[in-house]
Amino acid sequence: MATEADLDALLMLINAAFDVERFFKAEDRLNPSSLRSYFEKGNFLILEEEEGSLRGAVYVERKADRAYLGLLSVDPSQQRRGLGRRLTSAAEEFARETGARFMDITVVNLRAELPPIYEKLGYRITGTAPFPADQMPVSQTCHFICMSKELGHRDSE
């Protein structure tokens, strides 16, 4: 679980991981203020190397019997090694242990490679939502694809 001491490294990791979205966004994914806002509302699960540097992180926020998974971030030099899948599984287990029955995610439609990845992990498309272009300027029209997965009960696995 991330602590206050991890905020600077977390900010660098998330912005490096989301640099792939520069084709439609000109700004970093997060700034120190927006990261702190996430930190105050939910939890960041982190993967660290032995030296203590962050390899990956994922944000989880509980909302009644649901949880939201977001900001899944893997160090670009560590991608394609299964870390994103490990982080997603850890986030689902954390949500399940804290009483969530469903996990929700949103992905921007311009990242067409993402829905099939999440579908392989058991997520299903449930609808769309507007992209907050007033909060995060974009160069292309876009929206969110909403996805959800039933987590089941911990004792049924």
N, C-alpha and C. Protein backbone atom coordinates (compact mmCIF):
# COMPACT_ATOMS: atom_id res chain seq x y z
N MET A 1 0.85 -1.18 0.00
CA MET A 1 0.00 0.00 0.00
C MET A 1 0.90 1.24 0.00
N ALA A 2 0.59 2.18 -0.86
CA ALA A 2 1.39 3.41 -0.93
C ALA A 2 1.16 4.26 0.31
N THR A 3 2.21 4.99 0.68
CA THR A 3 2.13 5.93 1.79
C THR A 3 2.50 7.32 1.27
N GLU A 4 2.39 8.30 2.14
CA GLU A 4 2.77 9.68 1.77
C GLU A 4 4.18 9.73 1.20
N ALA A 5 5.07 8.90 1.72
CA ALA A 5 6.46 8.90 1.27
C ALA A 5 6.60 8.45 -0.18
N ASP A 6 5.59 7.79 -0.73
CA ASP A 6 5.63 7.29 -2.10
C ASP A 6 5.09 8.28 -3.13
N LEU A 7 4.54 9.40 -2.70
CA LEU A 7 3.82 10.29 -3.63
C LEU A 7 4.68 10.77 -4.79
N ASP A 8 5.90 11.21 -4.55
CA ASP A 8 6.74 11.71 -5.65
C ASP A 8 7.04 10.61 -6.66
N ALA A 9 7.42 9.43 -6.17
CA ALA A 9 7.72 8.31 -7.06
C ALA A 9 6.46 7.86 -7.79
N LEU A 10 5.34 7.88 -7.10
CA LEU A 10 4.06 7.50 -7.70
C LEU A 10 3.69 8.45 -8.84
N LEU A 11 3.87 9.73 -8.62
CA LEU A 11 3.57 10.73 -9.65
C LEU A 11 4.43 10.50 -10.89
N MET A 12 5.71 10.25 -10.69
CA MET A 12 6.61 10.00 -11.83
C MET A 12 6.21 8.72 -12.57
N LEU A 13 5.90 7.67 -11.83
CA LEU A 13 5.51 6.40 -12.44
C LEU A 13 4.24 6.55 -13.27
N ILE A 14 3.21 7.14 -12.69
CA ILE A 14 1.93 7.28 -13.39
C ILE A 14 2.09 8.11 -14.65
N ASN A 15 2.77 9.23 -14.56
CA ASN A 15 2.94 10.08 -15.74
C ASN A 15 3.78 9.40 -16.81
N ALA A 16 4.78 8.62 -16.43
CA ALA A 16 5.58 7.88 -17.41
C ALA A 16 4.73 6.81 -18.08
N ALA A 17 3.93 6.10 -17.31
CA ALA A 17 3.09 5.04 -17.86
C ALA A 17 2.01 5.59 -18.80
N PHE A 18 1.49 6.77 -18.48
CA PHE A 18 0.43 7.36 -19.30
C PHE A 18 0.97 8.25 -20.42
N ASP A 19 2.27 8.30 -20.58
CA ASP A 19 2.86 9.09 -21.66
C ASP A 19 2.39 8.59 -23.03
N VAL A 20 1.98 7.34 -23.11
CA VAL A 20 1.47 6.75 -24.34
C VAL A 20 0.22 7.49 -24.84
N GLU A 21 -0.44 8.24 -23.96
CA GLU A 21 -1.65 8.96 -24.34
C GLU A 21 -1.37 10.37 -24.86
N ARG A 22 -0.12 10.70 -25.08
CA ARG A 22 0.24 12.03 -25.59
C ARG A 22 -0.34 12.29 -26.99
N PHE A 23 -0.76 11.25 -27.68
CA PHE A 23 -1.33 11.46 -29.01
C PHE A 23 -2.68 12.17 -28.94
N PHE A 24 -3.29 12.22 -27.77
CA PHE A 24 -4.54 12.98 -27.65
C PHE A 24 -4.58 13.90 -26.44
N LYS A 25 -3.57 13.84 -25.58
CA LYS A 25 -3.50 14.73 -24.41
C LYS A 25 -2.14 15.41 -24.38
N ALA A 26 -2.14 16.70 -24.11
CA ALA A 26 -0.88 17.45 -24.08
C ALA A 26 -0.28 17.54 -22.68
N GLU A 27 -1.08 17.27 -21.67
CA GLU A 27 -0.61 17.43 -20.29
C GLU A 27 -0.33 16.09 -19.64
N ASP A 28 0.45 16.12 -18.55
CA ASP A 28 0.67 14.92 -17.76
C ASP A 28 -0.66 14.38 -17.27
N ARG A 29 -0.72 13.09 -17.01
CA ARG A 29 -1.95 12.47 -16.50
C ARG A 29 -2.34 13.05 -15.15
N LEU A 30 -1.36 13.26 -14.28
CA LEU A 30 -1.62 13.82 -12.96
C LEU A 30 -0.61 14.91 -12.62
N ASN A 31 -1.02 15.80 -11.72
CA ASN A 31 -0.09 16.75 -11.12
C ASN A 31 -0.11 16.47 -9.62
N PRO A 32 0.78 17.08 -8.84
CA PRO A 32 0.80 16.77 -7.40
C PRO A 32 -0.54 16.95 -6.71
N SER A 33 -1.29 17.97 -7.08
CA SER A 33 -2.58 18.23 -6.45
C SER A 33 -3.61 17.14 -6.78
N SER A 34 -3.68 16.75 -8.04
CA SER A 34 -4.65 15.71 -8.42
C SER A 34 -4.27 14.36 -7.83
N LEU A 35 -2.98 14.07 -7.74
CA LEU A 35 -2.55 12.82 -7.11
C LEU A 35 -2.96 12.80 -5.64
N ARG A 36 -2.76 13.90 -4.96
CA ARG A 36 -3.13 13.97 -3.55
C ARG A 36 -4.64 13.75 -3.38
N SER A 37 -5.43 14.28 -4.31
CA SER A 37 -6.88 14.09 -4.25
C SER A 37 -7.23 12.60 -4.34
N TYR A 38 -6.60 11.88 -5.27
CA TYR A 38 -6.82 10.44 -5.35
C TYR A 38 -6.39 9.76 -4.06
N PHE A 39 -5.23 10.14 -3.56
CA PHE A 39 -4.65 9.54 -2.36
C PHE A 39 -5.58 9.69 -1.16
N GLU A 40 -6.30 10.80 -1.10
CA GLU A 40 -7.20 11.05 0.02
C GLU A 40 -8.52 10.28 -0.09
N LYS A 41 -8.91 9.89 -1.32
CA LYS A 41 -10.19 9.20 -1.53
C LYS A 41 -10.07 7.68 -1.55
N GLY A 42 -8.90 7.18 -1.94
CA GLY A 42 -8.76 5.73 -2.11
C GLY A 42 -7.38 5.26 -1.72
N ASN A 43 -6.99 4.13 -2.30
CA ASN A 43 -5.71 3.50 -1.98
C ASN A 43 -4.94 3.20 -3.25
N PHE A 44 -3.64 3.31 -3.17
CA PHE A 44 -2.76 2.88 -4.25
C PHE A 44 -2.03 1.62 -3.79
N LEU A 45 -2.17 0.55 -4.55
CA LEU A 45 -1.39 -0.65 -4.32
C LEU A 45 -0.16 -0.53 -5.20
N ILE A 46 1.00 -0.89 -4.68
CA ILE A 46 2.24 -0.69 -5.43
C ILE A 46 3.06 -1.98 -5.49
N LEU A 47 3.83 -2.10 -6.57
CA LEU A 47 4.84 -3.15 -6.72
C LEU A 47 6.19 -2.45 -6.69
N GLU A 48 7.06 -2.91 -5.82
CA GLU A 48 8.39 -2.31 -5.70
C GLU A 48 9.46 -3.32 -6.08
N GLU A 49 10.58 -2.79 -6.58
CA GLU A 49 11.76 -3.62 -6.78
C GLU A 49 12.50 -3.71 -5.46
N GLU A 50 13.48 -4.59 -5.41
CA GLU A 50 14.26 -4.75 -4.18
C GLU A 50 14.90 -3.44 -3.73
N GLU A 51 15.32 -2.62 -4.66
CA GLU A 51 15.95 -1.34 -4.33
C GLU A 51 14.93 -0.31 -3.86
N GLY A 52 13.66 -0.63 -3.93
CA GLY A 52 12.63 0.29 -3.48
C GLY A 52 12.01 1.14 -4.56
N SER A 53 12.49 1.06 -5.80
CA SER A 53 11.88 1.86 -6.87
C SER A 53 10.55 1.21 -7.29
N LEU A 54 9.61 2.05 -7.69
CA LEU A 54 8.28 1.55 -8.06
C LEU A 54 8.30 0.94 -9.45
N ARG A 55 7.75 -0.25 -9.57
CA ARG A 55 7.60 -0.92 -10.86
C ARG A 55 6.19 -0.75 -11.40
N GLY A 56 5.23 -0.62 -10.48
CA GLY A 56 3.85 -0.50 -10.90
C GLY A 56 2.96 -0.07 -9.75
N ALA A 57 1.77 0.41 -10.12
CA ALA A 57 0.80 0.86 -9.12
C ALA A 57 -0.60 0.81 -9.73
N VAL A 58 -1.58 0.71 -8.86
CA VAL A 58 -2.97 0.76 -9.28
C VAL A 58 -3.78 1.43 -8.17
N TYR A 59 -4.76 2.20 -8.57
CA TYR A 59 -5.62 2.94 -7.65
C TYR A 59 -6.92 2.16 -7.45
N VAL A 60 -7.37 2.07 -6.20
CA VAL A 60 -8.64 1.42 -5.88
C VAL A 60 -9.43 2.34 -4.95
N GLU A 61 -10.68 2.58 -5.33
CA GLU A 61 -11.58 3.39 -4.50
C GLU A 61 -12.87 2.62 -4.27
N ARG A 62 -13.27 2.47 -3.02
CA ARG A 62 -14.51 1.77 -2.67
C ARG A 62 -15.70 2.72 -2.74
N LYS A 63 -16.83 2.19 -3.26
CA LYS A 63 -18.09 2.93 -3.32
C LYS A 63 -19.21 1.93 -3.08
N ALA A 64 -19.70 1.86 -1.84
CA ALA A 64 -20.73 0.90 -1.43
C ALA A 64 -20.27 -0.52 -1.74
N ASP A 65 -21.05 -1.30 -2.53
CA ASP A 65 -20.64 -2.68 -2.80
C ASP A 65 -19.78 -2.77 -4.07
N ARG A 66 -19.30 -1.63 -4.54
CA ARG A 66 -18.49 -1.58 -5.74
C ARG A 66 -17.12 -0.99 -5.41
N ALA A 67 -16.18 -1.25 -6.28
CA ALA A 67 -14.87 -0.62 -6.18
C ALA A 67 -14.51 -0.13 -7.57
N TYR A 68 -13.69 0.90 -7.62
CA TYR A 68 -13.23 1.45 -8.90
C TYR A 68 -11.73 1.21 -9.00
N LEU A 69 -11.30 0.66 -10.11
CA LEU A 69 -9.89 0.44 -10.41
C LEU A 69 -9.47 1.48 -11.43
N GLY A 70 -8.41 2.20 -11.17
CA GLY A 70 -7.95 3.21 -12.11
C GLY A 70 -6.46 3.44 -12.03
N LEU A 71 -5.98 4.23 -12.95
CA LEU A 71 -4.57 4.64 -12.99
C LEU A 71 -3.62 3.45 -12.95
N LEU A 72 -4.00 2.34 -13.58
CA LEU A 72 -3.12 1.19 -13.65
C LEU A 72 -1.85 1.61 -14.38
N SER A 73 -0.73 1.55 -13.69
CA SER A 73 0.52 2.11 -14.22
C SER A 73 1.66 1.13 -14.00
N VAL A 74 2.37 0.82 -15.09
CA VAL A 74 3.56 -0.01 -15.02
C VAL A 74 4.70 0.77 -15.64
N ASP A 75 5.84 0.77 -14.96
CA ASP A 75 7.03 1.43 -15.49
C ASP A 75 7.22 0.97 -16.94
N PRO A 76 7.36 1.91 -17.89
CA PRO A 76 7.49 1.52 -19.29
C PRO A 76 8.60 0.48 -19.55
N SER A 77 9.67 0.51 -18.78
CA SER A 77 10.75 -0.46 -18.96
C SER A 77 10.39 -1.84 -18.41
N GLN A 78 9.28 -1.94 -17.69
CA GLN A 78 8.85 -3.20 -17.07
C GLN A 78 7.58 -3.77 -17.71
N GLN A 79 7.09 -3.12 -18.78
CA GLN A 79 5.83 -3.55 -19.38
C GLN A 79 5.99 -4.85 -20.15
N ARG A 80 4.87 -5.50 -20.38
CA ARG A 80 4.77 -6.77 -21.10
C ARG A 80 5.45 -7.92 -20.33
N ARG A 81 5.37 -7.84 -19.01
CA ARG A 81 5.92 -8.88 -18.14
C ARG A 81 4.86 -9.42 -17.17
N GLY A 82 3.60 -9.05 -17.40
CA GLY A 82 2.53 -9.53 -16.55
C GLY A 82 2.28 -8.71 -15.29
N LEU A 83 2.98 -7.58 -15.15
CA LEU A 83 2.81 -6.78 -13.94
C LEU A 83 1.43 -6.12 -13.88
N GLY A 84 0.92 -5.68 -15.02
CA GLY A 84 -0.41 -5.08 -15.05
C GLY A 84 -1.48 -6.07 -14.61
N ARG A 85 -1.34 -7.30 -15.06
CA ARG A 85 -2.28 -8.36 -14.67
C ARG A 85 -2.15 -8.63 -13.16
N ARG A 86 -0.93 -8.67 -12.65
CA ARG A 86 -0.72 -8.89 -11.21
C ARG A 86 -1.34 -7.77 -10.39
N LEU A 87 -1.15 -6.53 -10.85
CA LEU A 87 -1.72 -5.39 -10.14
C LEU A 87 -3.24 -5.42 -10.17
N THR A 88 -3.80 -5.77 -11.32
CA THR A 88 -5.25 -5.87 -11.44
C THR A 88 -5.79 -6.94 -10.49
N SER A 89 -5.15 -8.09 -10.45
CA SER A 89 -5.57 -9.16 -9.54
C SER A 89 -5.47 -8.73 -8.09
N ALA A 90 -4.38 -8.03 -7.75
CA ALA A 90 -4.21 -7.55 -6.37
C ALA A 90 -5.30 -6.54 -6.01
N ALA A 91 -5.64 -5.67 -6.97
CA ALA A 91 -6.69 -4.67 -6.73
C ALA A 91 -8.04 -5.36 -6.53
N GLU A 92 -8.32 -6.37 -7.34
CA GLU A 92 -9.57 -7.11 -7.20
C GLU A 92 -9.64 -7.81 -5.84
N GLU A 93 -8.54 -8.43 -5.42
CA GLU A 93 -8.51 -9.11 -4.13
C GLU A 93 -8.68 -8.11 -2.98
N PHE A 94 -8.01 -6.97 -3.08
CA PHE A 94 -8.15 -5.93 -2.07
C PHE A 94 -9.61 -5.48 -1.97
N ALA A 95 -10.23 -5.26 -3.13
CA ALA A 95 -11.64 -4.82 -3.15
C ALA A 95 -12.54 -5.90 -2.56
N ARG A 96 -12.31 -7.14 -2.94
CA ARG A 96 -13.10 -8.25 -2.42
C ARG A 96 -12.96 -8.35 -0.89
N GLU A 97 -11.73 -8.24 -0.40
CA GLU A 97 -11.48 -8.34 1.04
C GLU A 97 -12.15 -7.21 1.83
N THR A 98 -12.37 -6.08 1.17
CA THR A 98 -13.00 -4.95 1.85
C THR A 98 -14.51 -4.89 1.59
N GLY A 99 -15.05 -5.97 1.00
CA GLY A 99 -16.50 -6.09 0.85
C GLY A 99 -17.10 -5.71 -0.49
N ALA A 100 -16.29 -5.36 -1.46
CA ALA A 100 -16.84 -5.01 -2.78
C ALA A 100 -17.28 -6.27 -3.51
N ARG A 101 -18.38 -6.18 -4.21
CA ARG A 101 -18.87 -7.29 -5.03
C ARG A 101 -18.60 -7.10 -6.50
N PHE A 102 -18.32 -5.84 -6.89
CA PHE A 102 -18.06 -5.53 -8.29
C PHE A 102 -16.86 -4.60 -8.39
N MET A 103 -16.13 -4.71 -9.49
CA MET A 103 -15.03 -3.80 -9.78
C MET A 103 -15.38 -3.08 -11.08
N ASP A 104 -15.30 -1.77 -11.07
CA ASP A 104 -15.59 -0.95 -12.24
C ASP A 104 -14.31 -0.30 -12.74
N ILE A 105 -14.22 -0.15 -14.05
CA ILE A 105 -13.10 0.56 -14.66
C ILE A 105 -13.63 1.42 -15.79
N THR A 106 -12.88 2.43 -16.16
CA THR A 106 -13.17 3.19 -17.37
C THR A 106 -11.88 3.29 -18.17
N VAL A 107 -12.02 3.15 -19.49
CA VAL A 107 -10.88 3.32 -20.39
C VAL A 107 -11.31 4.28 -21.49
N VAL A 108 -10.40 5.10 -21.93
CA VAL A 108 -10.74 6.06 -22.98
C VAL A 108 -10.86 5.31 -24.31
N ASN A 109 -11.87 5.64 -25.10
CA ASN A 109 -12.13 4.92 -26.34
C ASN A 109 -10.99 4.99 -27.34
N LEU A 110 -10.14 6.00 -27.26
CA LEU A 110 -9.02 6.12 -28.19
C LEU A 110 -7.93 5.09 -27.92
N ARG A 111 -7.99 4.43 -26.78
CA ARG A 111 -7.05 3.34 -26.45
C ARG A 111 -7.75 2.01 -26.77
N ALA A 112 -7.98 1.79 -28.06
CA ALA A 112 -8.77 0.64 -28.52
C ALA A 112 -8.17 -0.70 -28.10
N GLU A 113 -6.89 -0.73 -27.76
CA GLU A 113 -6.26 -1.99 -27.35
C GLU A 113 -6.68 -2.42 -25.94
N LEU A 114 -7.22 -1.51 -25.14
CA LEU A 114 -7.49 -1.81 -23.74
C LEU A 114 -8.74 -2.66 -23.47
N PRO A 115 -9.91 -2.37 -24.07
CA PRO A 115 -11.08 -3.20 -23.75
C PRO A 115 -10.86 -4.70 -23.95
N PRO A 116 -10.23 -5.15 -25.05
CA PRO A 116 -10.02 -6.60 -25.19
C PRO A 116 -9.13 -7.19 -24.08
N ILE A 117 -8.18 -6.42 -23.60
CA ILE A 117 -7.32 -6.91 -22.51
C ILE A 117 -8.16 -7.12 -21.26
N TYR A 118 -8.99 -6.14 -20.93
CA TYR A 118 -9.82 -6.26 -19.74
C TYR A 118 -10.90 -7.32 -19.91
N GLU A 119 -11.40 -7.49 -21.13
CA GLU A 119 -12.39 -8.54 -21.37
C GLU A 119 -11.79 -9.92 -21.08
N LYS A 120 -10.52 -10.12 -21.42
CA LYS A 120 -9.85 -11.39 -21.12
C LYS A 120 -9.74 -11.61 -19.61
N LEU A 121 -9.76 -10.53 -18.85
CA LEU A 121 -9.69 -10.63 -17.39
C LEU A 121 -11.07 -10.72 -16.74
N GLY A 122 -12.11 -10.84 -17.57
CA GLY A 122 -13.46 -11.02 -17.05
C GLY A 122 -14.33 -9.78 -17.00
N TYR A 123 -13.84 -8.65 -17.47
CA TYR A 123 -14.62 -7.41 -17.46
C TYR A 123 -15.53 -7.38 -18.68
N ARG A 124 -16.69 -6.75 -18.52
CA ARG A 124 -17.65 -6.60 -19.61
C ARG A 124 -17.99 -5.13 -19.78
N ILE A 125 -18.18 -4.72 -21.02
CA ILE A 125 -18.55 -3.33 -21.31
C ILE A 125 -19.98 -3.11 -20.82
N THR A 126 -20.16 -2.03 -20.05
CA THR A 126 -21.47 -1.73 -19.49
C THR A 126 -22.05 -0.42 -20.00
N GLY A 127 -21.27 0.35 -20.76
CA GLY A 127 -21.77 1.61 -21.28
C GLY A 127 -20.64 2.58 -21.56
N THR A 128 -21.00 3.85 -21.69
CA THR A 128 -20.02 4.90 -21.94
C THR A 128 -20.28 6.06 -20.98
N ALA A 129 -19.29 6.92 -20.88
CA ALA A 129 -19.41 8.13 -20.05
C ALA A 129 -18.61 9.23 -20.72
N PRO A 130 -18.99 10.48 -20.51
CA PRO A 130 -18.26 11.59 -21.12
C PRO A 130 -16.84 11.68 -20.56
N PHE A 131 -15.93 12.11 -21.40
CA PHE A 131 -14.56 12.38 -20.97
C PHE A 131 -14.54 13.81 -20.43
N PRO A 132 -13.92 14.05 -19.28
CA PRO A 132 -13.92 15.40 -18.68
C PRO A 132 -12.92 16.34 -19.37
N ALA A 133 -13.20 16.68 -20.62
CA ALA A 133 -12.28 17.51 -21.40
C ALA A 133 -12.08 18.89 -20.78
N ASP A 134 -13.03 19.33 -19.96
CA ASP A 134 -12.87 20.62 -19.29
C ASP A 134 -11.80 20.54 -18.20
N GLN A 135 -11.54 19.36 -17.68
CA GLN A 135 -10.52 19.17 -16.65
C GLN A 135 -9.20 18.68 -17.22
N MET A 136 -9.26 18.03 -18.38
CA MET A 136 -8.07 17.47 -19.00
C MET A 136 -8.17 17.71 -20.51
N PRO A 137 -7.58 18.79 -21.00
CA PRO A 137 -7.70 19.14 -22.42
C PRO A 137 -7.20 18.02 -23.34
N VAL A 138 -7.97 17.80 -24.41
CA VAL A 138 -7.63 16.77 -25.38
C VAL A 138 -7.64 17.35 -26.79
N SER A 139 -6.89 16.71 -27.68
CA SER A 139 -6.81 17.17 -29.06
C SER A 139 -7.78 16.41 -29.97
N GLN A 140 -8.42 15.38 -29.45
CA GLN A 140 -9.38 14.60 -30.21
C GLN A 140 -10.63 14.37 -29.35
N THR A 141 -11.77 14.30 -30.01
CA THR A 141 -13.00 13.99 -29.29
C THR A 141 -12.90 12.56 -28.77
N CYS A 142 -13.27 12.37 -27.51
CA CYS A 142 -13.20 11.03 -26.94
C CYS A 142 -14.23 10.88 -25.83
N HIS A 143 -14.40 9.65 -25.39
CA HIS A 143 -15.29 9.33 -24.28
C HIS A 143 -14.72 8.12 -23.54
N PHE A 144 -15.31 7.81 -22.40
CA PHE A 144 -14.89 6.64 -21.65
C PHE A 144 -15.76 5.45 -22.02
N ILE A 145 -15.14 4.29 -22.04
CA ILE A 145 -15.85 3.02 -22.12
C ILE A 145 -15.88 2.49 -20.69
N CYS A 146 -17.07 2.23 -20.18
CA CYS A 146 -17.23 1.74 -18.81
C CYS A 146 -17.28 0.21 -18.84
N MET A 147 -16.55 -0.40 -17.93
CA MET A 147 -16.50 -1.86 -17.85
C MET A 147 -16.66 -2.27 -16.39
N SER A 148 -17.15 -3.48 -16.19
CA SER A 148 -17.37 -3.96 -14.83
C SER A 148 -17.15 -5.47 -14.77
N LYS A 149 -16.81 -5.92 -13.57
CA LYS A 149 -16.60 -7.35 -13.33
C LYS A 149 -17.20 -7.71 -11.98
N GLU A 150 -17.94 -8.80 -11.93
CA GLU A 150 -18.42 -9.29 -10.64
C GLU A 150 -17.26 -9.99 -9.95
N LEU A 151 -17.01 -9.61 -8.71
CA LEU A 151 -15.87 -10.16 -7.98
C LEU A 151 -16.20 -11.45 -7.26
N GLY A 152 -17.46 -11.68 -6.98
CA GLY A 152 -17.82 -12.87 -6.22
C GLY A 152 -17.46 -12.70 -4.76
N HIS A 153 -17.64 -13.74 -4.03
CA HIS A 153 -17.35 -13.70 -2.59
C HIS A 153 -16.04 -14.41 -2.33
N ARG A 154 -15.29 -13.89 -1.41
CA ARG A 154 -13.98 -14.45 -1.07
C ARG A 154 -14.08 -15.92 -0.68
N ASP A 155 -15.10 -16.30 0.09
CA ASP A 155 -15.20 -17.68 0.56
C ASP A 155 -15.72 -18.65 -0.51
N SER A 156 -16.09 -18.15 -1.68
CA SER A 156 -16.59 -19.02 -2.75
C SER A 156 -15.50 -19.39 -3.74
N GLU A 157 -14.29 -18.93 -3.49
CA GLU A 157 -13.21 -19.23 -4.44
C GLU A 157 -12.35 -20.36 -3.93
